[in-house]
Amino acid sequence: MPVLLVLLAAIIVELTVLIAVSHAIGVLATTGLLILTSLVGVALLRREGARTLGAFVEAIRARKPPHRELLDGMLLTAAGVLVVVPGFVSDLLGLLLLLPPTRAMVRRRILRSAARRTPARYAPGDVVEGEVVDEPPRSASGELR
């Protein structure tokens, strides 16, 4: 339900901004501006996508976990969807995600949030080695029960 409310709010905001811009500069100019922002966004998406793919391949070759590159790929996918969806607010958010400094800021916030929510993998302390002996219980006289 909250996702539907967010989508509904986003649609209302997009339509409100679209109507306000079309009243200010005209319908033809608004349409042209929407097309222009989509074209610029797609060009930036192609460039940044190729750069992220190259960084991913480099991380794999260096035998480093490509966490940053995978997260960048997901953020670029989100940016691509936002840029393709018609509307000035979504275009602005998508273009901001396409810019490397803004994407790095969002990536840091996501990683920080994930680190807080994820329990520690290894607890500090000593490791006590041992083995499990699985024997049936015996009575006080030593007989099997």
N, C-alpha and C. Protein backbone atom coordinates (compact mmCIF):
# COMPACT_ATOMS: atom_id res chain seq x y z
N MET A 1 0.81 -1.20 0.00
CA MET A 1 0.00 0.00 0.00
C MET A 1 0.85 1.27 0.00
N PRO A 2 1.93 1.37 0.82
CA PRO A 2 2.73 2.60 0.79
C PRO A 2 3.37 2.85 -0.58
N VAL A 3 3.70 1.78 -1.31
CA VAL A 3 4.30 1.95 -2.63
C VAL A 3 3.29 2.61 -3.57
N LEU A 4 2.04 2.19 -3.49
CA LEU A 4 1.01 2.79 -4.33
C LEU A 4 0.80 4.26 -3.99
N LEU A 5 0.87 4.59 -2.72
CA LEU A 5 0.72 5.99 -2.32
C LEU A 5 1.88 6.84 -2.84
N VAL A 6 3.08 6.29 -2.80
CA VAL A 6 4.25 7.02 -3.31
C VAL A 6 4.11 7.21 -4.82
N LEU A 7 3.69 6.16 -5.53
CA LEU A 7 3.50 6.29 -6.98
C LEU A 7 2.41 7.30 -7.32
N LEU A 8 1.33 7.28 -6.57
CA LEU A 8 0.25 8.23 -6.79
C LEU A 8 0.73 9.66 -6.53
N ALA A 9 1.47 9.86 -5.46
CA ALA A 9 2.01 11.18 -5.16
C ALA A 9 2.98 11.63 -6.25
N ALA A 10 3.80 10.71 -6.75
CA ALA A 10 4.75 11.06 -7.82
C ALA A 10 4.01 11.48 -9.08
N ILE A 11 2.95 10.77 -9.42
CA ILE A 11 2.17 11.12 -10.61
C ILE A 11 1.53 12.50 -10.45
N ILE A 12 0.99 12.77 -9.27
CA ILE A 12 0.36 14.07 -9.03
C ILE A 12 1.39 15.19 -9.11
N VAL A 13 2.56 14.99 -8.52
CA VAL A 13 3.62 16.01 -8.58
C VAL A 13 4.07 16.22 -10.02
N GLU A 14 4.29 15.14 -10.76
CA GLU A 14 4.72 15.25 -12.17
C GLU A 14 3.69 16.03 -12.99
N LEU A 15 2.42 15.69 -12.85
CA LEU A 15 1.38 16.38 -13.61
C LEU A 15 1.28 17.85 -13.23
N THR A 16 1.41 18.14 -11.94
CA THR A 16 1.35 19.53 -11.49
C THR A 16 2.48 20.34 -12.09
N VAL A 17 3.69 19.81 -12.04
CA VAL A 17 4.85 20.51 -12.60
C VAL A 17 4.71 20.64 -14.11
N LEU A 18 4.25 19.58 -14.77
CA LEU A 18 4.08 19.61 -16.22
C LEU A 18 3.07 20.68 -16.64
N ILE A 19 1.97 20.77 -15.94
CA ILE A 19 0.95 21.78 -16.25
C ILE A 19 1.49 23.18 -15.99
N ALA A 20 2.20 23.36 -14.88
CA ALA A 20 2.77 24.68 -14.57
C ALA A 20 3.78 25.11 -15.62
N VAL A 21 4.64 24.20 -16.04
CA VAL A 21 5.65 24.54 -17.06
C VAL A 21 4.98 24.82 -18.39
N SER A 22 3.97 24.03 -18.76
CA SER A 22 3.31 24.27 -20.05
C SER A 22 2.55 25.59 -20.05
N HIS A 23 2.03 26.02 -18.91
CA HIS A 23 1.40 27.34 -18.82
C HIS A 23 2.44 28.44 -18.92
N ALA A 24 3.62 28.21 -18.38
CA ALA A 24 4.66 29.24 -18.37
C ALA A 24 5.34 29.40 -19.73
N ILE A 25 5.66 28.28 -20.41
CA ILE A 25 6.43 28.39 -21.65
C ILE A 25 5.68 27.87 -22.88
N GLY A 26 4.51 27.29 -22.70
CA GLY A 26 3.74 26.79 -23.83
C GLY A 26 3.86 25.29 -23.98
N VAL A 27 2.86 24.72 -24.63
CA VAL A 27 2.80 23.26 -24.78
C VAL A 27 3.90 22.76 -25.70
N LEU A 28 4.14 23.44 -26.81
CA LEU A 28 5.16 22.99 -27.77
C LEU A 28 6.56 23.04 -27.15
N ALA A 29 6.86 24.12 -26.45
CA ALA A 29 8.17 24.23 -25.79
C ALA A 29 8.32 23.19 -24.68
N THR A 30 7.24 22.92 -23.97
CA THR A 30 7.28 21.90 -22.92
C THR A 30 7.56 20.52 -23.51
N THR A 31 6.88 20.21 -24.60
CA THR A 31 7.11 18.92 -25.27
C THR A 31 8.54 18.82 -25.76
N GLY A 32 9.04 19.88 -26.37
CA GLY A 32 10.43 19.89 -26.84
C GLY A 32 11.42 19.72 -25.70
N LEU A 33 11.15 20.38 -24.59
CA LEU A 33 12.03 20.27 -23.42
C LEU A 33 12.01 18.85 -22.84
N LEU A 34 10.85 18.23 -22.82
CA LEU A 34 10.76 16.84 -22.34
C LEU A 34 11.56 15.90 -23.25
N ILE A 35 11.45 16.11 -24.55
CA ILE A 35 12.21 15.27 -25.49
C ILE A 35 13.71 15.52 -25.33
N LEU A 36 14.10 16.78 -25.18
CA LEU A 36 15.51 17.12 -25.02
C LEU A 36 16.09 16.51 -23.75
N THR A 37 15.38 16.61 -22.64
CA THR A 37 15.91 16.03 -21.40
C THR A 37 16.01 14.52 -21.50
N SER A 38 15.08 13.89 -22.20
CA SER A 38 15.17 12.44 -22.38
C SER A 38 16.38 12.06 -23.23
N LEU A 39 16.64 12.82 -24.30
CA LEU A 39 17.79 12.53 -25.16
C LEU A 39 19.11 12.73 -24.42
N VAL A 40 19.20 13.82 -23.66
CA VAL A 40 20.41 14.07 -22.86
C VAL A 40 20.59 12.97 -21.83
N GLY A 41 19.51 12.58 -21.19
CA GLY A 41 19.58 11.51 -20.19
C GLY A 41 20.02 10.19 -20.78
N VAL A 42 19.51 9.85 -21.95
CA VAL A 42 19.90 8.58 -22.59
C VAL A 42 21.38 8.62 -22.98
N ALA A 43 21.86 9.77 -23.48
CA ALA A 43 23.28 9.89 -23.84
C ALA A 43 24.16 9.74 -22.60
N LEU A 44 23.79 10.41 -21.51
CA LEU A 44 24.55 10.27 -20.26
C LEU A 44 24.49 8.85 -19.73
N LEU A 45 23.35 8.22 -19.86
CA LEU A 45 23.19 6.84 -19.38
C LEU A 45 24.10 5.89 -20.15
N ARG A 46 24.20 6.08 -21.45
CA ARG A 46 25.09 5.22 -22.24
C ARG A 46 26.54 5.41 -21.82
N ARG A 47 26.95 6.66 -21.64
CA ARG A 47 28.34 6.93 -21.26
C ARG A 47 28.66 6.37 -19.89
N GLU A 48 27.82 6.66 -18.91
CA GLU A 48 28.07 6.21 -17.54
C GLU A 48 27.91 4.70 -17.43
N GLY A 49 27.00 4.12 -18.20
CA GLY A 49 26.84 2.67 -18.18
C GLY A 49 28.09 1.96 -18.70
N ALA A 50 28.67 2.50 -19.77
CA ALA A 50 29.90 1.92 -20.30
C ALA A 50 31.04 2.06 -19.30
N ARG A 51 31.11 3.20 -18.65
CA ARG A 51 32.16 3.43 -17.65
C ARG A 51 32.00 2.46 -16.47
N THR A 52 30.78 2.26 -16.01
CA THR A 52 30.53 1.35 -14.89
C THR A 52 30.82 -0.09 -15.28
N LEU A 53 30.47 -0.47 -16.50
CA LEU A 53 30.77 -1.82 -16.96
C LEU A 53 32.28 -2.05 -17.00
N GLY A 54 33.03 -1.05 -17.46
CA GLY A 54 34.49 -1.16 -17.47
C GLY A 54 35.06 -1.31 -16.07
N ALA A 55 34.51 -0.54 -15.13
CA ALA A 55 34.97 -0.64 -13.74
C ALA A 55 34.63 -2.00 -13.15
N PHE A 56 33.48 -2.54 -13.52
CA PHE A 56 33.08 -3.87 -13.05
C PHE A 56 34.05 -4.94 -13.55
N VAL A 57 34.38 -4.88 -14.83
CA VAL A 57 35.32 -5.85 -15.42
C VAL A 57 36.69 -5.72 -14.76
N GLU A 58 37.14 -4.49 -14.51
CA GLU A 58 38.43 -4.28 -13.84
C GLU A 58 38.43 -4.88 -12.44
N ALA A 59 37.34 -4.68 -11.71
CA ALA A 59 37.25 -5.23 -10.35
C ALA A 59 37.31 -6.76 -10.38
N ILE A 60 36.64 -7.36 -11.34
CA ILE A 60 36.67 -8.82 -11.46
C ILE A 60 38.08 -9.29 -11.81
N ARG A 61 38.73 -8.60 -12.73
CA ARG A 61 40.10 -8.98 -13.11
C ARG A 61 41.07 -8.85 -11.95
N ALA A 62 40.85 -7.83 -11.12
CA ALA A 62 41.72 -7.62 -9.95
C ALA A 62 41.32 -8.51 -8.78
N ARG A 63 40.31 -9.35 -8.98
CA ARG A 63 39.82 -10.26 -7.96
C ARG A 63 39.34 -9.52 -6.71
N LYS A 64 38.72 -8.36 -6.95
CA LYS A 64 38.11 -7.60 -5.86
C LYS A 64 36.60 -7.77 -5.96
N PRO A 65 35.91 -7.79 -4.84
CA PRO A 65 34.44 -7.86 -4.93
C PRO A 65 33.89 -6.58 -5.55
N PRO A 66 33.04 -6.69 -6.57
CA PRO A 66 32.57 -5.51 -7.29
C PRO A 66 31.32 -4.88 -6.67
N HIS A 67 31.30 -4.71 -5.35
CA HIS A 67 30.12 -4.16 -4.68
C HIS A 67 29.77 -2.78 -5.21
N ARG A 68 30.75 -1.92 -5.28
CA ARG A 68 30.52 -0.54 -5.72
C ARG A 68 29.99 -0.51 -7.15
N GLU A 69 30.57 -1.33 -8.00
CA GLU A 69 30.18 -1.34 -9.41
C GLU A 69 28.77 -1.89 -9.59
N LEU A 70 28.41 -2.91 -8.82
CA LEU A 70 27.06 -3.46 -8.90
C LEU A 70 26.03 -2.44 -8.43
N LEU A 71 26.34 -1.76 -7.34
CA LEU A 71 25.43 -0.74 -6.84
C LEU A 71 25.32 0.41 -7.83
N ASP A 72 26.42 0.80 -8.44
CA ASP A 72 26.38 1.83 -9.48
C ASP A 72 25.49 1.38 -10.64
N GLY A 73 25.59 0.11 -11.02
CA GLY A 73 24.76 -0.41 -12.09
C GLY A 73 23.28 -0.33 -11.75
N MET A 74 22.93 -0.65 -10.51
CA MET A 74 21.53 -0.55 -10.08
C MET A 74 21.06 0.90 -10.07
N LEU A 75 21.92 1.80 -9.60
CA LEU A 75 21.55 3.22 -9.58
C LEU A 75 21.42 3.77 -10.99
N LEU A 76 22.27 3.32 -11.90
CA LEU A 76 22.15 3.75 -13.30
C LEU A 76 20.88 3.21 -13.94
N THR A 77 20.48 2.01 -13.57
CA THR A 77 19.22 1.47 -14.08
C THR A 77 18.05 2.31 -13.59
N ALA A 78 18.07 2.66 -12.31
CA ALA A 78 17.03 3.52 -11.76
C ALA A 78 17.03 4.88 -12.46
N ALA A 79 18.23 5.42 -12.70
CA ALA A 79 18.33 6.70 -13.40
C ALA A 79 17.77 6.60 -14.80
N GLY A 80 18.05 5.50 -15.49
CA GLY A 80 17.52 5.31 -16.83
C GLY A 80 16.01 5.27 -16.86
N VAL A 81 15.42 4.57 -15.90
CA VAL A 81 13.96 4.52 -15.82
C VAL A 81 13.40 5.91 -15.55
N LEU A 82 14.02 6.64 -14.63
CA LEU A 82 13.54 7.98 -14.29
C LEU A 82 13.66 8.94 -15.48
N VAL A 83 14.71 8.80 -16.26
CA VAL A 83 14.90 9.70 -17.41
C VAL A 83 13.91 9.38 -18.52
N VAL A 84 13.61 8.11 -18.72
CA VAL A 84 12.71 7.72 -19.80
C VAL A 84 11.25 8.07 -19.47
N VAL A 85 10.88 8.01 -18.20
CA VAL A 85 9.52 8.37 -17.80
C VAL A 85 9.32 9.86 -18.07
N PRO A 86 8.25 10.22 -18.80
CA PRO A 86 8.06 11.64 -19.09
C PRO A 86 7.71 12.44 -17.84
N GLY A 87 8.35 13.56 -17.69
CA GLY A 87 8.10 14.45 -16.56
C GLY A 87 9.38 15.12 -16.13
N PHE A 88 9.26 16.34 -15.66
CA PHE A 88 10.45 17.11 -15.31
C PHE A 88 11.06 16.68 -13.97
N VAL A 89 10.23 16.31 -13.02
CA VAL A 89 10.75 15.90 -11.71
C VAL A 89 11.52 14.58 -11.84
N SER A 90 10.94 13.62 -12.55
CA SER A 90 11.64 12.34 -12.74
C SER A 90 12.90 12.53 -13.57
N ASP A 91 12.85 13.42 -14.58
CA ASP A 91 14.05 13.70 -15.37
C ASP A 91 15.15 14.30 -14.50
N LEU A 92 14.77 15.22 -13.64
CA LEU A 92 15.76 15.86 -12.77
C LEU A 92 16.39 14.83 -11.83
N LEU A 93 15.56 13.99 -11.22
CA LEU A 93 16.09 12.95 -10.33
C LEU A 93 16.98 11.96 -11.09
N GLY A 94 16.54 11.58 -12.29
CA GLY A 94 17.34 10.66 -13.11
C GLY A 94 18.67 11.28 -13.52
N LEU A 95 18.64 12.54 -13.93
CA LEU A 95 19.89 13.20 -14.33
C LEU A 95 20.83 13.36 -13.14
N LEU A 96 20.28 13.62 -11.96
CA LEU A 96 21.13 13.71 -10.76
C LEU A 96 21.79 12.37 -10.46
N LEU A 97 21.04 11.28 -10.64
CA LEU A 97 21.63 9.95 -10.41
C LEU A 97 22.68 9.59 -11.46
N LEU A 98 22.59 10.20 -12.63
CA LEU A 98 23.57 9.92 -13.68
C LEU A 98 24.90 10.61 -13.42
N LEU A 99 24.89 11.67 -12.63
CA LEU A 99 26.13 12.39 -12.35
C LEU A 99 26.95 11.62 -11.31
N PRO A 100 28.23 11.35 -11.59
CA PRO A 100 29.04 10.55 -10.66
C PRO A 100 29.10 11.07 -9.22
N PRO A 101 29.24 12.39 -8.97
CA PRO A 101 29.29 12.82 -7.56
C PRO A 101 27.98 12.56 -6.81
N THR A 102 26.86 12.82 -7.47
CA THR A 102 25.57 12.59 -6.82
C THR A 102 25.34 11.10 -6.60
N ARG A 103 25.71 10.29 -7.60
CA ARG A 103 25.56 8.85 -7.47
C ARG A 103 26.42 8.31 -6.34
N ALA A 104 27.63 8.85 -6.18
CA ALA A 104 28.51 8.41 -5.09
C ALA A 104 27.88 8.74 -3.73
N MET A 105 27.25 9.91 -3.64
CA MET A 105 26.61 10.30 -2.39
C MET A 105 25.45 9.35 -2.06
N VAL A 106 24.64 9.03 -3.06
CA VAL A 106 23.52 8.11 -2.85
C VAL A 106 24.04 6.72 -2.51
N ARG A 107 25.10 6.29 -3.18
CA ARG A 107 25.70 4.98 -2.92
C ARG A 107 26.19 4.89 -1.47
N ARG A 108 26.86 5.94 -0.99
CA ARG A 108 27.34 5.95 0.41
C ARG A 108 26.18 5.83 1.38
N ARG A 109 25.10 6.55 1.11
CA ARG A 109 23.94 6.48 2.00
C ARG A 109 23.32 5.09 2.02
N ILE A 110 23.24 4.48 0.85
CA ILE A 110 22.68 3.13 0.77
C ILE A 110 23.56 2.14 1.52
N LEU A 111 24.87 2.22 1.32
CA LEU A 111 25.79 1.31 2.00
C LEU A 111 25.76 1.52 3.51
N ARG A 112 25.69 2.78 3.94
CA ARG A 112 25.62 3.06 5.38
C ARG A 112 24.33 2.50 5.97
N SER A 113 23.23 2.67 5.27
CA SER A 113 21.95 2.15 5.74
C SER A 113 21.96 0.62 5.78
N ALA A 114 22.56 0.00 4.77
CA ALA A 114 22.64 -1.47 4.75
C ALA A 114 23.52 -1.98 5.86
N ALA A 115 24.60 -1.27 6.16
CA ALA A 115 25.51 -1.71 7.23
C ALA A 115 24.81 -1.65 8.59
N ARG A 116 23.95 -0.66 8.78
CA ARG A 116 23.22 -0.56 10.05
C ARG A 116 22.19 -1.67 10.19
N ARG A 117 21.57 -2.05 9.10
CA ARG A 117 20.50 -3.05 9.16
C ARG A 117 21.01 -4.48 9.14
N THR A 118 22.22 -4.68 8.68
CA THR A 118 22.77 -6.02 8.57
C THR A 118 23.47 -6.39 9.87
N PRO A 119 23.13 -7.53 10.45
CA PRO A 119 23.84 -7.93 11.67
C PRO A 119 25.30 -8.25 11.35
N ALA A 120 26.12 -8.15 12.38
CA ALA A 120 27.55 -8.44 12.19
C ALA A 120 27.71 -9.88 11.74
N ARG A 121 28.58 -10.08 10.81
CA ARG A 121 28.78 -11.41 10.27
C ARG A 121 29.58 -12.28 11.23
N TYR A 122 30.62 -11.73 11.78
CA TYR A 122 31.46 -12.47 12.70
C TYR A 122 31.51 -11.72 14.02
N ALA A 123 31.15 -12.40 15.07
CA ALA A 123 31.20 -11.77 16.38
C ALA A 123 32.63 -11.84 16.91
N PRO A 124 33.08 -10.80 17.57
CA PRO A 124 34.44 -10.85 18.12
C PRO A 124 34.49 -11.84 19.29
N GLY A 125 35.64 -12.38 19.52
CA GLY A 125 35.80 -13.31 20.64
C GLY A 125 36.67 -14.48 20.24
N ASP A 126 36.86 -15.36 21.20
CA ASP A 126 37.71 -16.52 20.98
C ASP A 126 36.92 -17.63 20.29
N VAL A 127 37.63 -18.40 19.50
CA VAL A 127 37.05 -19.56 18.85
C VAL A 127 37.45 -20.78 19.66
N VAL A 128 36.46 -21.55 20.07
CA VAL A 128 36.73 -22.76 20.84
C VAL A 128 36.43 -23.94 19.93
N GLU A 129 37.48 -24.68 19.63
CA GLU A 129 37.30 -25.85 18.77
C GLU A 129 36.80 -27.01 19.60
N GLY A 130 36.05 -27.87 19.00
CA GLY A 130 35.53 -29.04 19.69
C GLY A 130 34.86 -29.95 18.68
N GLU A 131 34.33 -31.04 19.18
CA GLU A 131 33.62 -31.95 18.30
C GLU A 131 32.39 -32.44 19.05
N VAL A 132 31.41 -32.83 18.29
CA VAL A 132 30.16 -33.30 18.86
C VAL A 132 30.21 -34.82 18.93
N VAL A 133 29.89 -35.35 20.09
CA VAL A 133 29.82 -36.80 20.27
C VAL A 133 28.35 -37.13 20.43
N ASP A 134 27.85 -37.91 19.52
CA ASP A 134 26.43 -38.24 19.51
C ASP A 134 26.25 -39.68 19.99
N GLU A 135 26.07 -39.86 21.31
CA GLU A 135 25.86 -41.19 21.89
C GLU A 135 24.49 -41.22 22.54
N PRO A 136 23.87 -42.38 22.53
CA PRO A 136 22.58 -42.48 23.21
C PRO A 136 22.77 -42.34 24.72
N PRO A 137 21.77 -41.81 25.41
CA PRO A 137 21.90 -41.63 26.86
C PRO A 137 22.02 -42.97 27.59
N ARG A 138 22.78 -42.98 28.68
CA ARG A 138 23.00 -44.19 29.49
C ARG A 138 22.42 -43.96 30.89
N SER A 139 22.05 -45.03 31.51
CA SER A 139 21.55 -44.94 32.88
C SER A 139 22.74 -44.83 33.83
N ALA A 140 22.46 -44.70 35.13
CA ALA A 140 23.53 -44.57 36.13
C ALA A 140 24.40 -45.82 36.18
N SER A 141 23.83 -46.97 35.85
CA SER A 141 24.62 -48.21 35.87
C SER A 141 25.40 -48.42 34.58
N GLY A 142 25.26 -47.52 33.61
CA GLY A 142 26.01 -47.62 32.37
C GLY A 142 25.27 -48.32 31.25
N GLU A 143 24.01 -48.72 31.49
CA GLU A 143 23.24 -49.38 30.45
C GLU A 143 22.57 -48.34 29.55
N LEU A 144 22.37 -48.74 28.29
CA LEU A 144 21.67 -47.86 27.35
C LEU A 144 20.21 -47.77 27.72
N ARG A 145 19.64 -46.61 27.59
CA ARG A 145 18.21 -46.45 27.85
C ARG A 145 17.42 -46.59 26.60
